[in-house]
Structure formats: C-alpha cells, structure tokens
C-alpha cells in the first residue's frame, strides 16, 4: 500500500481511537479529582506539553476553538495548576482508557512496534502538539502504550489537517461544520455561536483539504514497507473492532 493510501485509510481510525479518552467519563472524573472541570482538564491537559505559555499559543495550536474560549479555559485552569504538573495526570488518563478498552484486542505488541516506528521517524514540523507528546515517556504495558501512541498519532495527523484546512481557505468553523453529521454538535462543544455556515457551500473545498491532509501525513508512513502499512491498517481495525 502506498503511503498516501495508508494515511487515508488509517486517519479516521486514529482520529477516533486516539481521541476517545478525552470524552470518557473516567477522564472527566480524573480532572474533577484535581479540581478541574471537563473543559479545563481538556484544555490544560492536552496543551500541557506546550508549557506555561500565553493562551494565544494554545489557540494557535488547537486551531479549531474560538480564541476567547481558549483563553477563558486555559487561564481558568492555569490558575489552579501549572501546565507542567498536568502532563502526567492527563496522559495517565489516556493510558487508563487503553487498559480498560484495548486490553482484549489481539496483536497489541505488533501494532505498538509499527506505530512506534512511525512516531519516531515522523517530522515534528507543523505539529507542535505531536512534538510535545512524543517526548513523553511511554509505559511498559501494551494497552496503555498503544493508547498513548494513538493520542500522539492523532496529534500528528491533526497538525497536517490544520495546515490543509487553513491553506484551503476554510475557516476553522467551516471545517468543523462540514465534518459530517456531528459537525453541529462539535461546533457547539467547541464553543462556536450560531448561526453556522452551510456545510454544502464548502463541501468541495473540504474534500480538497482532506486529500491534502492525506498527502501531508503520508511521509510519516514511508518508514514502513508496503506490506507493513497494510498490516498497520489491519491491526488498527482489529483494535477498533475489539475496543469495549
């Protein structure tokens, strides 16, 4: 399988599996234990690897959130905890999700080995959240390790997608609304106010942005042979099917 085809095939699976822990009840409960609401734990947790930065830096990397929302949530959470102190609690929530939901999936060690090669060889340019999370040590157990690497891979593709969206003359809100049946719900979750744009008006541009995302993400998979790329896709699908 060609690298671009691999990026296209595994992208949705990585996006789903790598981000599911963020909305999990156990993750929300973990944030509450240290005094952070769901949006505070998400904002400070996901952005914690950026360090103790101004909210505009976080907004520049998150891309899809209204800047005032980022500033409000980041400053509110940062008033309670230093970002550096939240790196471990946030990624541990990710690992715990993997231990709960991926433990019965087959061939986890094989998948982890392939994913780690992709992560280690990928360029960090244009993907600051990927770069930050890649530097965090991985756990020894396969389910926790896989969950963390899926999170890292999701941030890698997210960097490519942000570049593709912005270079395609799509606004972040247009990209969200055009993402499918859940677009409106996502826009509301991210803090965007109505009225929302018509997704049909930007459908063709959105498709072009998705194609560009695949092309930008493809080089990371060139470290694998064509057969290994096929195997990576197969193993990710196995985890998706087995995830509880």
Protein backbone atom coordinates (compact mmCIF):
# COMPACT_ATOMS: atom_id res chain seq x y z
CA UNK A 1 0.00 0.00 0.00
CA UNK A 2 1.27 3.47 -0.88
CA UNK A 3 1.95 5.92 1.95
CA UNK A 4 -0.82 8.32 0.88
CA UNK A 5 -3.33 5.48 0.75
CA UNK A 6 -2.18 4.41 4.21
CA UNK A 7 -2.69 7.90 5.60
CA UNK A 8 -6.17 7.99 4.09
CA UNK A 9 -7.10 4.55 5.38
CA UNK A 10 -5.83 4.83 8.94
CA UNK A 11 -6.61 8.51 9.52
CA UNK A 12 -10.24 8.11 10.65
CA UNK A 13 -9.40 5.16 12.91
CA UNK A 14 -6.54 7.03 14.56
CA UNK A 15 -8.71 10.12 15.00
CA UNK A 16 -11.43 8.09 16.71
CA UNK A 17 -9.33 5.76 18.85
CA UNK A 18 -6.76 8.42 19.74
CA UNK A 19 -9.30 10.97 20.92
CA UNK A 20 -11.94 8.86 22.60
CA UNK A 21 -10.31 9.05 26.02
CA UNK A 22 -10.74 12.83 26.03
CA UNK A 23 -14.53 12.49 26.31
CA UNK A 24 -14.52 9.45 28.57
CA UNK A 25 -16.27 9.68 31.92
CA UNK A 26 -13.21 8.34 33.72
CA UNK A 27 -11.08 11.13 32.26
CA UNK A 28 -13.61 13.74 33.33
CA UNK A 29 -13.64 12.20 36.82
CA UNK A 30 -9.85 12.33 36.94
CA UNK A 31 -9.93 16.03 36.18
CA UNK A 32 -12.58 16.61 38.84
CA UNK A 33 -10.35 14.93 41.41
CA UNK A 34 -7.79 17.71 40.94
CA UNK A 35 -10.37 20.47 40.77
CA UNK A 36 -10.68 20.87 37.00
CA UNK A 37 -13.91 20.86 35.04
CA UNK A 38 -14.18 18.86 31.82
CA UNK A 39 -13.24 21.80 29.54
CA UNK A 40 -10.47 22.92 31.91
CA UNK A 41 -8.91 19.45 32.07
CA UNK A 42 -9.17 19.07 28.31
CA UNK A 43 -7.64 22.46 27.58
CA UNK A 44 -4.86 22.39 30.17
CA UNK A 45 -4.27 18.66 29.78
CA UNK A 46 -4.00 18.49 26.03
CA UNK A 47 -1.96 21.70 25.90
CA UNK A 48 0.19 20.93 28.94
CA UNK A 49 3.18 19.87 26.83
CA UNK A 50 3.37 23.41 25.43
CA UNK A 51 4.46 24.66 28.84
CA UNK A 52 3.42 27.73 30.80
CA UNK A 53 2.54 29.81 27.73
CA UNK A 54 0.09 32.55 26.89
CA UNK A 55 -3.35 31.38 25.78
CA UNK A 56 -2.72 32.65 22.25
CA UNK A 57 -0.03 29.99 21.85
CA UNK A 58 -2.55 27.33 22.81
CA UNK A 59 -5.14 28.76 20.42
CA UNK A 60 -2.55 28.73 17.64
CA UNK A 61 -2.00 25.00 18.13
CA UNK A 62 -5.58 23.90 18.85
CA UNK A 63 -6.82 25.81 15.75
CA UNK A 64 -10.49 24.79 15.86
CA UNK A 65 -11.57 26.60 19.02
CA UNK A 66 -12.63 30.27 19.29
CA UNK A 67 -9.71 32.19 20.73
CA UNK A 68 -11.78 33.74 23.58
CA UNK A 69 -12.90 30.26 24.67
CA UNK A 70 -9.32 29.01 24.70
CA UNK A 71 -8.19 32.00 26.74
CA UNK A 72 -11.01 31.65 29.26
CA UNK A 73 -10.50 27.92 29.82
CA UNK A 74 -6.68 27.98 29.73
CA UNK A 75 -6.39 30.86 32.19
CA UNK A 76 -9.03 29.40 34.48
CA UNK A 77 -7.27 26.03 34.59
CA UNK A 78 -3.78 27.53 34.77
CA UNK A 79 -4.81 29.48 37.84
CA UNK A 80 -5.33 26.13 39.58
CA UNK A 81 -2.38 24.11 38.25
CA UNK A 82 0.85 24.74 36.38
CA UNK A 83 0.69 23.12 32.92
CA UNK A 84 3.79 21.02 33.58
CA UNK A 85 2.04 19.44 36.57
CA UNK A 86 -0.84 18.23 34.40
CA UNK A 87 1.17 16.38 31.74
CA UNK A 88 1.29 13.16 33.74
CA UNK A 89 -2.31 13.17 35.05
CA UNK A 90 -3.64 13.79 31.54
CA UNK A 91 -1.59 11.16 29.77
CA UNK A 92 -2.25 8.69 32.59
CA UNK A 93 -5.97 9.16 31.91
CA UNK A 94 -5.20 8.22 28.31
CA UNK A 95 -3.26 5.14 29.38
CA UNK A 96 -6.03 4.05 31.75
CA UNK A 97 -8.51 4.31 28.91
CA UNK A 98 -6.35 1.97 26.87
CA UNK A 99 -6.04 -0.51 29.74
CA UNK A 100 -9.81 -0.54 30.10
CA UNK A 101 -10.85 -0.62 26.45
CA UNK A 102 -7.97 -2.10 24.43
CA UNK A 103 -6.82 -4.95 26.69
CA UNK A 104 -8.73 -7.67 24.81
CA UNK A 105 -7.58 -6.57 21.33
CA UNK A 106 -5.22 -9.01 19.57
CA UNK A 107 -1.65 -8.39 18.46
CA UNK A 108 -1.09 -5.27 20.55
CA UNK A 109 2.67 -5.71 20.75
CA UNK A 110 2.93 -5.94 16.96
CA UNK A 111 0.78 -2.84 16.50
CA UNK A 112 2.77 -0.91 19.10
CA UNK A 113 6.03 -1.76 17.35
CA UNK A 114 4.76 -0.49 13.99
CA UNK A 115 3.19 2.63 15.48
CA UNK A 116 6.33 3.49 17.41
CA UNK A 117 8.43 3.39 14.25
CA UNK A 118 6.05 5.82 12.55
CA UNK A 119 6.08 8.15 15.55
CA UNK A 120 9.84 8.10 15.99
CA UNK A 121 10.60 8.89 12.35
CA UNK A 122 7.86 11.48 11.71
CA UNK A 123 8.79 15.12 11.24
CA UNK A 124 7.54 17.44 14.01
CA UNK A 125 7.31 20.44 11.65
CA UNK A 126 3.85 21.96 11.76
CA UNK A 127 2.69 19.65 14.57
CA UNK A 128 3.71 21.16 17.92
CA UNK A 129 1.31 19.09 20.00
CA UNK A 130 2.64 15.93 18.36
CA UNK A 131 6.20 17.03 19.12
CA UNK A 132 5.35 17.72 22.76
CA UNK A 133 3.52 14.47 23.38
CA UNK A 134 6.09 12.37 21.51
CA UNK A 135 8.66 13.47 24.11
CA UNK A 136 6.62 11.97 26.98
CA UNK A 137 7.87 8.55 28.07
CA UNK A 138 5.77 5.55 27.12
CA UNK A 139 4.52 2.98 29.66
CA UNK A 140 5.61 -0.65 29.52
CA UNK A 141 2.19 -2.30 29.22
CA UNK A 142 0.82 -2.74 25.70
CA UNK A 143 -2.74 -1.37 26.19
CA UNK A 144 -1.52 1.78 27.92
CA UNK A 145 1.33 2.15 25.47
CA UNK A 146 -0.98 1.83 22.47
CA UNK A 147 -3.44 4.37 23.87
CA UNK A 148 -0.66 6.90 24.34
CA UNK A 149 0.74 6.31 20.87
CA UNK A 150 -2.70 6.65 19.29
CA UNK A 151 -3.02 10.01 21.04
CA UNK A 152 0.39 11.02 19.65
CA UNK A 153 -0.51 9.84 16.14
CA UNK A 154 -3.77 11.75 16.35
CA UNK A 155 -1.86 14.95 17.12
CA UNK A 156 0.46 14.22 14.18
CA UNK A 157 -2.44 13.98 11.73
CA UNK A 158 -4.09 16.95 13.45
CA UNK A 159 -1.11 19.13 12.58
CA UNK A 160 -1.36 18.10 8.93
CA UNK A 161 -5.11 18.68 8.90
CA UNK A 162 -4.78 22.16 10.39
CA UNK A 163 -2.28 23.14 7.70
CA UNK A 164 -4.55 21.70 4.99
CA UNK A 165 -7.66 23.47 6.28
CA UNK A 166 -6.05 26.88 6.62
CA UNK A 167 -4.31 26.65 3.25
CA UNK A 168 -7.61 25.70 1.59
CA UNK A 169 -9.29 28.97 2.65
CA UNK A 170 -11.59 27.18 5.05
CA UNK A 171 -12.26 28.80 8.39
CA UNK A 172 -11.96 26.52 11.41
CA UNK A 173 -15.73 26.73 11.91
CA UNK A 174 -16.41 25.80 8.28
CA UNK A 175 -14.13 22.80 8.66
CA UNK A 176 -15.97 21.66 11.78
CA UNK A 177 -19.46 22.12 10.35
CA UNK A 178 -18.52 20.28 7.19
CA UNK A 179 -17.05 17.28 9.00
CA UNK A 180 -20.24 15.21 8.85
CA UNK A 181 -23.39 14.50 10.81
CA UNK A 182 -21.76 15.51 14.09
CA UNK A 183 -20.49 18.86 12.76
CA UNK A 184 -23.09 20.99 14.50
CA UNK A 185 -22.66 19.14 17.80
CA UNK A 186 -18.88 19.58 17.56
CA UNK A 187 -19.25 23.29 16.85
CA UNK A 188 -21.41 23.65 19.94
CA UNK A 189 -18.99 21.60 22.04
CA UNK A 190 -16.06 23.73 20.88
CA UNK A 191 -17.87 26.92 21.87
CA UNK A 192 -18.87 28.39 18.50
CA UNK A 193 -22.02 30.51 18.45
CA UNK A 194 -24.77 30.23 15.85
CA UNK A 195 -25.59 30.93 13.07
CA UNK A 196 -23.43 28.27 11.48
CA UNK A 197 -22.34 28.24 7.84
CA UNK A 198 -23.99 25.93 5.29
CA UNK A 199 -21.78 22.82 5.01
CA UNK A 200 -22.87 22.29 1.40
CA UNK A 201 -21.29 25.59 0.40
CA UNK A 202 -17.79 24.37 1.27
CA UNK A 203 -18.14 20.63 0.55
CA UNK A 204 -15.75 20.61 -2.40
CA UNK A 205 -13.13 22.68 -0.57
CA UNK A 206 -13.46 20.41 2.43
CA UNK A 207 -12.81 17.38 0.22
CA UNK A 208 -9.69 19.05 -1.17
CA UNK A 209 -8.48 19.75 2.38
CA UNK A 210 -8.95 16.09 3.31
CA UNK A 211 -6.92 15.00 0.28
CA UNK A 212 -4.18 17.47 1.18
CA UNK A 213 -4.19 16.18 4.75
CA UNK A 214 -3.50 12.67 3.48
CA UNK A 215 -0.62 13.92 1.32
CA UNK A 216 0.91 15.87 4.20
CA UNK A 217 0.52 12.94 6.60
CA UNK A 218 1.86 10.35 4.17
CA UNK A 219 5.63 10.83 4.69
CA UNK A 220 5.36 9.56 8.27
CA UNK A 221 4.33 6.13 6.94
CA UNK A 222 7.22 5.82 4.49
CA UNK A 223 9.33 4.30 7.27
CA UNK A 224 7.19 1.16 6.84
CA UNK A 225 7.28 -1.22 3.91
CA UNK A 226 4.12 -1.51 1.77
CA UNK A 227 3.26 -4.81 3.47
CA UNK A 228 3.79 -3.26 6.91
CA UNK A 229 1.46 -0.41 6.01
CA UNK A 230 -1.24 -2.92 5.13
CA UNK A 231 -0.60 -4.71 8.39
CA UNK A 232 -0.79 -1.44 10.36
CA UNK A 233 -4.22 -0.73 8.89
CA UNK A 234 -5.39 -4.27 9.62
CA UNK A 235 -4.22 -4.12 13.23
CA UNK A 236 -5.85 -0.74 13.83
CA UNK A 237 -9.12 -2.13 12.52
CA UNK A 238 -8.76 -5.09 14.88
CA UNK A 239 -8.36 -2.75 17.84
CA UNK A 240 -11.33 -0.69 16.70
CA UNK A 241 -13.48 -3.82 16.46
CA UNK A 242 -12.33 -5.16 19.82
CA UNK A 243 -12.46 -1.88 21.76
CA UNK A 244 -15.00 -2.01 24.56
